[in-house]
């Protein structure tokens, strides 16, 4: 699977790619993966998790019962449109 981040929902940056990993092969297993440090300090509005092959049961579905993202939250100022123009 891959984890990607985007600021606009169009251009995506690869944050993590996991291949042939057996960390989640047991029922109820949990694991933590590091992200690509090339994007340390970069804020993303969107995250996308994509399964790229069969799971440990050789099926093409992602059984996801929990997903945690750790990091800093940035507040972005939103400018209201000028109603007088």
PDB file of N, CA and C in Angstrom:
ATOM      1  N   UNK A   1       0.822  -1.180   0.000  1.00  0.00           N
ATOM      2  CA  UNK A   1       0.000   0.000   0.000  1.00  0.00           C
ATOM      3  C   UNK A   1       0.862   1.236   0.000  1.00  0.00           C
ATOM      4  N   UNK A   2       0.248   2.344  -0.346  1.00  0.00           N
ATOM      5  CA  UNK A   2       0.948   3.618  -0.307  1.00  0.00           C
ATOM      6  C   UNK A   2       0.110   4.616   0.483  1.00  0.00           C
ATOM      7  N   UNK A   3       0.792   5.542   1.127  1.00  0.00           N
ATOM      8  CA  UNK A   3       0.163   6.670   1.795  1.00  0.00           C
ATOM      9  C   UNK A   3       0.699   7.913   1.104  1.00  0.00           C
ATOM     10  N   UNK A   4      -0.228   8.749   0.622  1.00  0.00           N
ATOM     11  CA  UNK A   4       0.157   9.963  -0.077  1.00  0.00           C
ATOM     12  C   UNK A   4      -0.521  11.162   0.564  1.00  0.00           C
ATOM     13  N   UNK A   5       0.097  12.312   0.421  1.00  0.00           N
ATOM     14  CA  UNK A   5      -0.460  13.556   0.923  1.00  0.00           C
ATOM     15  C   UNK A   5      -0.563  14.573  -0.192  1.00  0.00           C
ATOM     16  N   UNK A   6      -1.575  15.453  -0.090  1.00  0.00           N
ATOM     17  CA  UNK A   6      -1.780  16.474  -1.111  1.00  0.00           C
ATOM     18  C   UNK A   6      -2.262  17.759  -0.462  1.00  0.00           C
ATOM     19  N   UNK A   7      -1.857  18.874  -1.022  1.00  0.00           N
ATOM     20  CA  UNK A   7      -2.351  20.169  -0.564  1.00  0.00           C
ATOM     21  C   UNK A   7      -3.607  20.569  -1.321  1.00  0.00           C
ATOM     22  N   UNK A   8      -3.758  20.089  -2.571  1.00  0.00           N
ATOM     23  CA  UNK A   8      -4.867  20.524  -3.414  1.00  0.00           C
ATOM     24  C   UNK A   8      -5.781  19.399  -3.896  1.00  0.00           C
ATOM     25  N   UNK A   9      -5.457  18.152  -3.589  1.00  0.00           N
ATOM     26  CA  UNK A   9      -6.272  17.024  -4.036  1.00  0.00           C
ATOM     27  C   UNK A   9      -5.956  16.601  -5.463  1.00  0.00           C
ATOM     28  N   UNK A  10      -4.979  17.233  -6.087  1.00  0.00           N
ATOM     29  CA  UNK A  10      -4.602  16.920  -7.459  1.00  0.00           C
ATOM     30  C   UNK A  10      -3.173  16.401  -7.546  1.00  0.00           C
ATOM     31  N   UNK A  11      -2.242  17.089  -6.913  1.00  0.00           N
ATOM     32  CA  UNK A  11      -0.834  16.710  -6.904  1.00  0.00           C
ATOM     33  C   UNK A  11      -0.540  15.958  -5.611  1.00  0.00           C
ATOM     34  N   UNK A  12       0.001  14.743  -5.727  1.00  0.00           N
ATOM     35  CA  UNK A  12       0.204  13.878  -4.565  1.00  0.00           C
ATOM     36  C   UNK A  12       1.683  13.623  -4.322  1.00  0.00           C
ATOM     37  N   UNK A  13       2.069  13.584  -3.051  1.00  0.00           N
ATOM     38  CA  UNK A  13       3.431  13.297  -2.619  1.00  0.00           C
ATOM     39  C   UNK A  13       3.441  11.955  -1.894  1.00  0.00           C
ATOM     40  N   UNK A  14       4.363  11.085  -2.259  1.00  0.00           N
ATOM     41  CA  UNK A  14       4.459   9.772  -1.631  1.00  0.00           C
ATOM     42  C   UNK A  14       5.060   9.916  -0.236  1.00  0.00           C
ATOM     43  N   UNK A  15       4.265   9.594   0.770  1.00  0.00           N
ATOM     44  CA  UNK A  15       4.712   9.689   2.158  1.00  0.00           C
ATOM     45  C   UNK A  15       5.238   8.362   2.679  1.00  0.00           C
ATOM     46  N   UNK A  16       4.665   7.260   2.208  1.00  0.00           N
ATOM     47  CA  UNK A  16       5.093   5.946   2.669  1.00  0.00           C
ATOM     48  C   UNK A  16       4.661   4.886   1.662  1.00  0.00           C
ATOM     49  N   UNK A  17       5.523   3.891   1.446  1.00  0.00           N
ATOM     50  CA  UNK A  17       5.183   2.743   0.602  1.00  0.00           C
ATOM     51  C   UNK A  17       5.581   1.490   1.363  1.00  0.00           C
ATOM     52  N   UNK A  18       4.658   0.556   1.484  1.00  0.00           N
ATOM     53  CA  UNK A  18       4.920  -0.686   2.216  1.00  0.00           C
ATOM     54  C   UNK A  18       4.691  -1.851   1.265  1.00  0.00           C
ATOM     55  N   UNK A  19       5.694  -2.727   1.159  1.00  0.00           N
ATOM     56  CA  UNK A  19       5.602  -3.895   0.295  1.00  0.00           C
ATOM     57  C   UNK A  19       6.076  -5.120   1.060  1.00  0.00           C
ATOM     58  N   UNK A  20       5.392  -6.235   0.870  1.00  0.00           N
ATOM     59  CA  UNK A  20       5.798  -7.517   1.466  1.00  0.00           C
ATOM     60  C   UNK A  20       6.054  -7.405   2.961  1.00  0.00           C
ATOM     61  N   UNK A  21       5.204  -6.691   3.655  1.00  0.00           N
ATOM     62  CA  UNK A  21       5.344  -6.477   5.095  1.00  0.00           C
ATOM     63  C   UNK A  21       4.384  -7.419   5.822  1.00  0.00           C
ATOM     64  N   UNK A  22       4.854  -8.129   6.802  1.00  0.00           N
ATOM     65  CA  UNK A  22       4.001  -9.091   7.522  1.00  0.00           C
ATOM     66  C   UNK A  22       3.562  -8.551   8.884  1.00  0.00           C
ATOM     67  N   UNK A  23       3.745  -7.272   9.137  1.00  0.00           N
ATOM     68  CA  UNK A  23       3.431  -6.681  10.444  1.00  0.00           C
ATOM     69  C   UNK A  23       1.961  -6.812  10.825  1.00  0.00           C
ATOM     70  N   UNK A  24       1.073  -6.853   9.841  1.00  0.00           N
ATOM     71  CA  UNK A  24      -0.367  -6.888  10.132  1.00  0.00           C
ATOM     72  C   UNK A  24      -1.005  -8.224   9.779  1.00  0.00           C
ATOM     73  N   UNK A  25      -0.223  -9.265   9.655  1.00  0.00           N
ATOM     74  CA  UNK A  25      -0.765 -10.565   9.253  1.00  0.00           C
ATOM     75  C   UNK A  25      -1.634 -11.226  10.328  1.00  0.00           C
ATOM     76  N   UNK A  26      -1.493 -10.847  11.574  1.00  0.00           N
ATOM     77  CA  UNK A  26      -2.290 -11.437  12.643  1.00  0.00           C
ATOM     78  C   UNK A  26      -3.572 -10.630  12.846  1.00  0.00           C
ATOM     79  N   UNK A  27      -4.640 -11.282  13.216  1.00  0.00           N
ATOM     80  CA  UNK A  27      -5.899 -10.611  13.499  1.00  0.00           C
ATOM     81  C   UNK A  27      -5.712  -9.612  14.634  1.00  0.00           C
ATOM     82  N   UNK A  28      -6.157  -8.400  14.436  1.00  0.00           N
ATOM     83  CA  UNK A  28      -6.071  -7.369  15.461  1.00  0.00           C
ATOM     84  C   UNK A  28      -4.695  -6.744  15.619  1.00  0.00           C
ATOM     85  N   UNK A  29      -3.774  -7.061  14.719  1.00  0.00           N
ATOM     86  CA  UNK A  29      -2.418  -6.529  14.822  1.00  0.00           C
ATOM     87  C   UNK A  29      -2.386  -5.024  14.572  1.00  0.00           C
ATOM     88  N   UNK A  30      -1.431  -4.359  15.173  1.00  0.00           N
ATOM     89  CA  UNK A  30      -1.198  -2.935  14.934  1.00  0.00           C
ATOM     90  C   UNK A  30       0.279  -2.730  14.634  1.00  0.00           C
ATOM     91  N   UNK A  31       0.574  -1.636  13.961  1.00  0.00           N
ATOM     92  CA  UNK A  31       1.964  -1.330  13.640  1.00  0.00           C
ATOM     93  C   UNK A  31       2.061   0.150  13.300  1.00  0.00           C
ATOM     94  N   UNK A  32       3.234   0.711  13.457  1.00  0.00           N
ATOM     95  CA  UNK A  32       3.486   2.108  13.112  1.00  0.00           C
ATOM     96  C   UNK A  32       4.592   2.160  12.071  1.00  0.00           C
ATOM     97  N   UNK A  33       4.372   2.948  11.015  1.00  0.00           N
ATOM     98  CA  UNK A  33       5.372   3.137   9.974  1.00  0.00           C
ATOM     99  C   UNK A  33       5.779   4.603   9.945  1.00  0.00           C
ATOM    100  N   UNK A  34       7.032   4.835   9.644  1.00  0.00           N
ATOM    101  CA  UNK A  34       7.533   6.201   9.480  1.00  0.00           C
ATOM    102  C   UNK A  34       7.160   6.717   8.091  1.00  0.00           C
ATOM    103  N   UNK A  35       7.129   8.029   7.957  1.00  0.00           N
ATOM    104  CA  UNK A  35       6.839   8.626   6.663  1.00  0.00           C
ATOM    105  C   UNK A  35       8.121   9.155   6.034  1.00  0.00           C
ATOM    106  N   UNK A  36       8.019   9.491   4.778  1.00  0.00           N
ATOM    107  CA  UNK A  36       9.129  10.025   4.005  1.00  0.00           C
ATOM    108  C   UNK A  36       9.564  11.361   4.598  1.00  0.00           C
ATOM    109  N   UNK A  37      10.784  11.442   5.076  1.00  0.00           N
ATOM    110  CA  UNK A  37      11.273  12.656   5.731  1.00  0.00           C
ATOM    111  C   UNK A  37      11.561  13.794   4.758  1.00  0.00           C
ATOM    112  N   UNK A  38      11.449  13.538   3.455  1.00  0.00           N
ATOM    113  CA  UNK A  38      11.594  14.619   2.477  1.00  0.00           C
ATOM    114  C   UNK A  38      10.505  15.678   2.659  1.00  0.00           C
ATOM    115  N   UNK A  39       9.385  15.272   3.259  1.00  0.00           N
ATOM    116  CA  UNK A  39       8.254  16.181   3.423  1.00  0.00           C
ATOM    117  C   UNK A  39       8.055  16.613   4.874  1.00  0.00           C
ATOM    118  N   UNK A  40       9.085  16.477   5.685  1.00  0.00           N
ATOM    119  CA  UNK A  40       9.010  16.936   7.078  1.00  0.00           C
ATOM    120  C   UNK A  40       8.760  18.445   7.070  1.00  0.00           C
ATOM    121  N   UNK A  41       7.790  18.884   7.830  1.00  0.00           N
ATOM    122  CA  UNK A  41       7.459  20.310   7.895  1.00  0.00           C
ATOM    123  C   UNK A  41       6.487  20.770   6.822  1.00  0.00           C
ATOM    124  N   UNK A  42       6.087  19.860   5.922  1.00  0.00           N
ATOM    125  CA  UNK A  42       5.115  20.192   4.887  1.00  0.00           C
ATOM    126  C   UNK A  42       3.739  19.781   5.392  1.00  0.00           C
ATOM    127  N   UNK A  43       2.757  20.630   5.187  1.00  0.00           N
ATOM    128  CA  UNK A  43       1.390  20.336   5.624  1.00  0.00           C
ATOM    129  C   UNK A  43       0.556  19.857   4.446  1.00  0.00           C
ATOM    130  N   UNK A  44      -0.290  18.873   4.710  1.00  0.00           N
ATOM    131  CA  UNK A  44      -1.156  18.318   3.684  1.00  0.00           C
ATOM    132  C   UNK A  44      -2.607  18.437   4.125  1.00  0.00           C
ATOM    133  N   UNK A  45      -3.455  18.799   3.198  1.00  0.00           N
ATOM    134  CA  UNK A  45      -4.888  18.897   3.471  1.00  0.00           C
ATOM    135  C   UNK A  45      -5.573  17.547   3.284  1.00  0.00           C
ATOM    136  N   UNK A  46      -5.065  16.736   2.360  1.00  0.00           N
ATOM    137  CA  UNK A  46      -5.672  15.450   2.025  1.00  0.00           C
ATOM    138  C   UNK A  46      -4.657  14.326   2.221  1.00  0.00           C
ATOM    139  N   UNK A  47      -5.136  13.182   2.657  1.00  0.00           N
ATOM    140  CA  UNK A  47      -4.342  11.962   2.733  1.00  0.00           C
ATOM    141  C   UNK A  47      -5.047  10.891   1.924  1.00  0.00           C
ATOM    142  N   UNK A  48      -4.267  10.055   1.249  1.00  0.00           N
ATOM    143  CA  UNK A  48      -4.833   8.984   0.422  1.00  0.00           C
ATOM    144  C   UNK A  48      -4.072   7.701   0.727  1.00  0.00           C
ATOM    145  N   UNK A  49      -4.805   6.665   1.127  1.00  0.00           N
ATOM    146  CA  UNK A  49      -4.245   5.344   1.398  1.00  0.00           C
ATOM    147  C   UNK A  49      -4.738   4.414   0.296  1.00  0.00           C
ATOM    148  N   UNK A  50      -3.811   3.803  -0.434  1.00  0.00           N
ATOM    149  CA  UNK A  50      -4.182   2.967  -1.581  1.00  0.00           C
ATOM    150  C   UNK A  50      -3.548   1.588  -1.461  1.00  0.00           C
ATOM    151  N   UNK A  51      -4.373   0.569  -1.538  1.00  0.00           N
ATOM    152  CA  UNK A  51      -3.852  -0.802  -1.547  1.00  0.00           C
ATOM    153  C   UNK A  51      -3.334  -1.093  -2.947  1.00  0.00           C
ATOM    154  N   UNK A  52      -2.108  -1.592  -3.060  1.00  0.00           N
ATOM    155  CA  UNK A  52      -1.459  -1.799  -4.352  1.00  0.00           C
ATOM    156  C   UNK A  52      -1.332  -3.266  -4.757  1.00  0.00           C
ATOM    157  N   UNK A  53      -1.871  -4.161  -3.959  1.00  0.00           N
ATOM    158  CA  UNK A  53      -1.782  -5.585  -4.278  1.00  0.00           C
ATOM    159  C   UNK A  53      -2.641  -6.368  -3.314  1.00  0.00           C
ATOM    160  N   UNK A  54      -2.604  -7.690  -3.379  1.00  0.00           N
ATOM    161  CA  UNK A  54      -3.431  -8.501  -2.483  1.00  0.00           C
ATOM    162  C   UNK A  54      -2.969  -8.381  -1.030  1.00  0.00           C
ATOM    163  N   UNK A  55      -3.921  -8.542  -0.108  1.00  0.00           N
ATOM    164  CA  UNK A  55      -3.594  -8.496   1.317  1.00  0.00           C
ATOM    165  C   UNK A  55      -3.031  -9.848   1.763  1.00  0.00           C
ATOM    166  N   UNK A  56      -2.852 -10.036   3.053  1.00  0.00           N
ATOM    167  CA  UNK A  56      -2.245 -11.268   3.561  1.00  0.00           C
ATOM    168  C   UNK A  56      -3.130 -12.500   3.333  1.00  0.00           C
ATOM    169  N   UNK A  57      -4.415 -12.286   3.034  1.00  0.00           N
ATOM    170  CA  UNK A  57      -5.325 -13.388   2.700  1.00  0.00           C
ATOM    171  C   UNK A  57      -5.457 -13.563   1.191  1.00  0.00           C
ATOM    172  N   UNK A  58      -4.606 -12.865   0.434  1.00  0.00           N
ATOM    173  CA  UNK A  58      -4.604 -12.900  -1.025  1.00  0.00           C
ATOM    174  C   UNK A  58      -5.900 -12.358  -1.626  1.00  0.00           C
ATOM    175  N   UNK A  59      -6.504 -11.370  -0.950  1.00  0.00           N
ATOM    176  CA  UNK A  59      -7.705 -10.702  -1.451  1.00  0.00           C
ATOM    177  C   UNK A  59      -7.367  -9.253  -1.788  1.00  0.00           C
ATOM    178  N   UNK A  60      -8.188  -8.674  -2.623  1.00  0.00           N
ATOM    179  CA  UNK A  60      -7.965  -7.294  -3.037  1.00  0.00           C
ATOM    180  C   UNK A  60      -8.932  -6.352  -2.327  1.00  0.00           C
ATOM    181  N   UNK A  61      -8.910  -6.352  -1.003  1.00  0.00           N
ATOM    182  CA  UNK A  61      -9.667  -5.377  -0.225  1.00  0.00           C
ATOM    183  C   UNK A  61      -8.843  -4.983   0.988  1.00  0.00           C
ATOM    184  N   UNK A  62      -9.077  -3.781   1.428  1.00  0.00           N
ATOM    185  CA  UNK A  62      -8.347  -3.249   2.576  1.00  0.00           C
ATOM    186  C   UNK A  62      -9.257  -3.310   3.792  1.00  0.00           C
ATOM    187  N   UNK A  63      -8.956  -4.191   4.724  1.00  0.00           N
ATOM    188  CA  UNK A  63      -9.714  -4.307   5.965  1.00  0.00           C
ATOM    189  C   UNK A  63      -9.078  -3.346   6.965  1.00  0.00           C
ATOM    190  N   UNK A  64      -9.700  -2.212   7.149  1.00  0.00           N
ATOM    191  CA  UNK A  64      -9.122  -1.150   7.967  1.00  0.00           C
ATOM    192  C   UNK A  64     -10.101  -0.799   9.075  1.00  0.00           C
ATOM    193  N   UNK A  65      -9.730  -1.143  10.296  1.00  0.00           N
ATOM    194  CA  UNK A  65     -10.625  -0.842  11.418  1.00  0.00           C
ATOM    195  C   UNK A  65     -10.157   0.364  12.218  1.00  0.00           C
ATOM    196  N   UNK A  66      -8.991   0.875  11.902  1.00  0.00           N
ATOM    197  CA  UNK A  66      -8.491   2.061  12.579  1.00  0.00           C
ATOM    198  C   UNK A  66      -7.345   2.660  11.798  1.00  0.00           C
ATOM    199  N   UNK A  67      -7.219   3.969  11.907  1.00  0.00           N
ATOM    200  CA  UNK A  67      -6.168   4.679  11.174  1.00  0.00           C
ATOM    201  C   UNK A  67      -5.834   5.934  11.956  1.00  0.00           C
ATOM    202  N   UNK A  68      -4.607   6.066  12.391  1.00  0.00           N
ATOM    203  CA  UNK A  68      -4.194   7.233  13.173  1.00  0.00           C
ATOM    204  C   UNK A  68      -3.105   7.977  12.437  1.00  0.00           C
ATOM    205  N   UNK A  69      -3.200   9.282  12.465  1.00  0.00           N
ATOM    206  CA  UNK A  69      -2.185  10.133  11.867  1.00  0.00           C
ATOM    207  C   UNK A  69      -1.677  11.052  12.965  1.00  0.00           C
ATOM    208  N   UNK A  70      -0.374  11.090  13.132  1.00  0.00           N
ATOM    209  CA  UNK A  70       0.233  11.924  14.162  1.00  0.00           C
ATOM    210  C   UNK A  70       1.044  13.026  13.498  1.00  0.00           C
ATOM    211  N   UNK A  71       0.945  14.211  14.021  1.00  0.00           N
ATOM    212  CA  UNK A  71       1.705  15.330  13.478  1.00  0.00           C
ATOM    213  C   UNK A  71       1.151  16.638  13.990  1.00  0.00           C
ATOM    214  N   UNK A  72       1.499  17.692  13.337  1.00  0.00           N
ATOM    215  CA  UNK A  72       1.047  19.031  13.727  1.00  0.00           C
ATOM    216  C   UNK A  72      -0.137  19.452  12.864  1.00  0.00           C
ATOM    217  N   UNK A  73      -1.026  20.201  13.462  1.00  0.00           N
ATOM    218  CA  UNK A  73      -2.193  20.717  12.754  1.00  0.00           C
ATOM    219  C   UNK A  73      -1.951  22.184  12.444  1.00  0.00           C
ATOM    220  N   UNK A  74      -2.120  22.551  11.186  1.00  0.00           N
ATOM    221  CA  UNK A  74      -1.914  23.944  10.769  1.00  0.00           C
ATOM    222  C   UNK A  74      -3.259  24.591  10.518  1.00  0.00           C
ATOM    223  N   UNK A  75      -3.388  25.808  10.953  1.00  0.00           N
ATOM    224  CA  UNK A  75      -4.612  26.553  10.704  1.00  0.00           C
ATOM    225  C   UNK A  75      -4.372  27.455   9.500  1.00  0.00           C
ATOM    226  N   UNK A  76      -5.250  27.351   8.531  1.00  0.00           N
ATOM    227  CA  UNK A  76      -5.112  28.137   7.316  1.00  0.00           C
ATOM    228  C   UNK A  76      -6.188  29.220   7.318  1.00  0.00           C
ATOM    229  N   UNK A  77      -5.774  30.456   7.108  1.00  0.00           N
ATOM    230  CA  UNK A  77      -6.722  31.566   7.058  1.00  0.00           C
ATOM    231  C   UNK A  77      -7.546  31.466   5.780  1.00  0.00           C
ATOM    232  N   UNK A  78      -8.845  31.603   5.925  1.00  0.00           N
ATOM    233  CA  UNK A  78      -9.735  31.574   4.775  1.00  0.00           C
ATOM    234  C   UNK A  78     -10.274  32.985   4.571  1.00  0.00           C
ATOM    235  N   UNK A  79     -10.095  33.493   3.381  1.00  0.00           N
ATOM    236  CA  UNK A  79     -10.564  34.836   3.068  1.00  0.00           C
ATOM    237  C   UNK A  79     -11.933  34.738   2.415  1.00  0.00           C
ATOM    238  N   UNK A  80     -12.902  35.420   3.004  1.00  0.00           N
ATOM    239  CA  UNK A  80     -14.251  35.426   2.455  1.00  0.00           C
ATOM    240  C   UNK A  80     -14.272  36.258   1.173  1.00  0.00           C
ATOM    241  N   UNK A  81     -15.092  35.862   0.189  1.00  0.00           N
ATOM    242  CA  UNK A  81     -15.167  36.655  -1.041  1.00  0.00           C
ATOM    243  C   UNK A  81     -15.762  38.033  -0.750  1.00  0.00           C
ATOM    244  N   UNK A  82     -15.298  39.026  -1.480  1.00  0.00           N
ATOM    245  CA  UNK A  82     -15.806  40.382  -1.342  1.00  0.00           C
ATOM    246  C   UNK A  82     -17.172  40.468  -2.009  1.00  0.00           C
ATOM    247  N   UNK A  83     -18.221  40.689  -1.239  1.00  0.00           N
ATOM    248  CA  UNK A  83     -19.588  40.708  -1.785  1.00  0.00           C
ATOM    249  C   UNK A  83     -19.910  42.028  -2.471  1.00  0.00           C
ATOM    250  N   UNK A  84     -19.027  43.013  -2.364  1.00  0.00           N
ATOM    251  CA  UNK A  84     -19.288  44.322  -2.970  1.00  0.00           C
ATOM    252  C   UNK A  84     -18.695  44.466  -4.363  1.00  0.00           C
ATOM    253  N   UNK A  85     -18.098  43.405  -4.888  1.00  0.00           N
ATOM    254  CA  UNK A  85     -17.507  43.532  -6.237  1.00  0.00           C
ATOM    255  C   UNK A  85     -18.351  42.850  -7.262  1.00  0.00           C
TER     256      UNK A  85
END
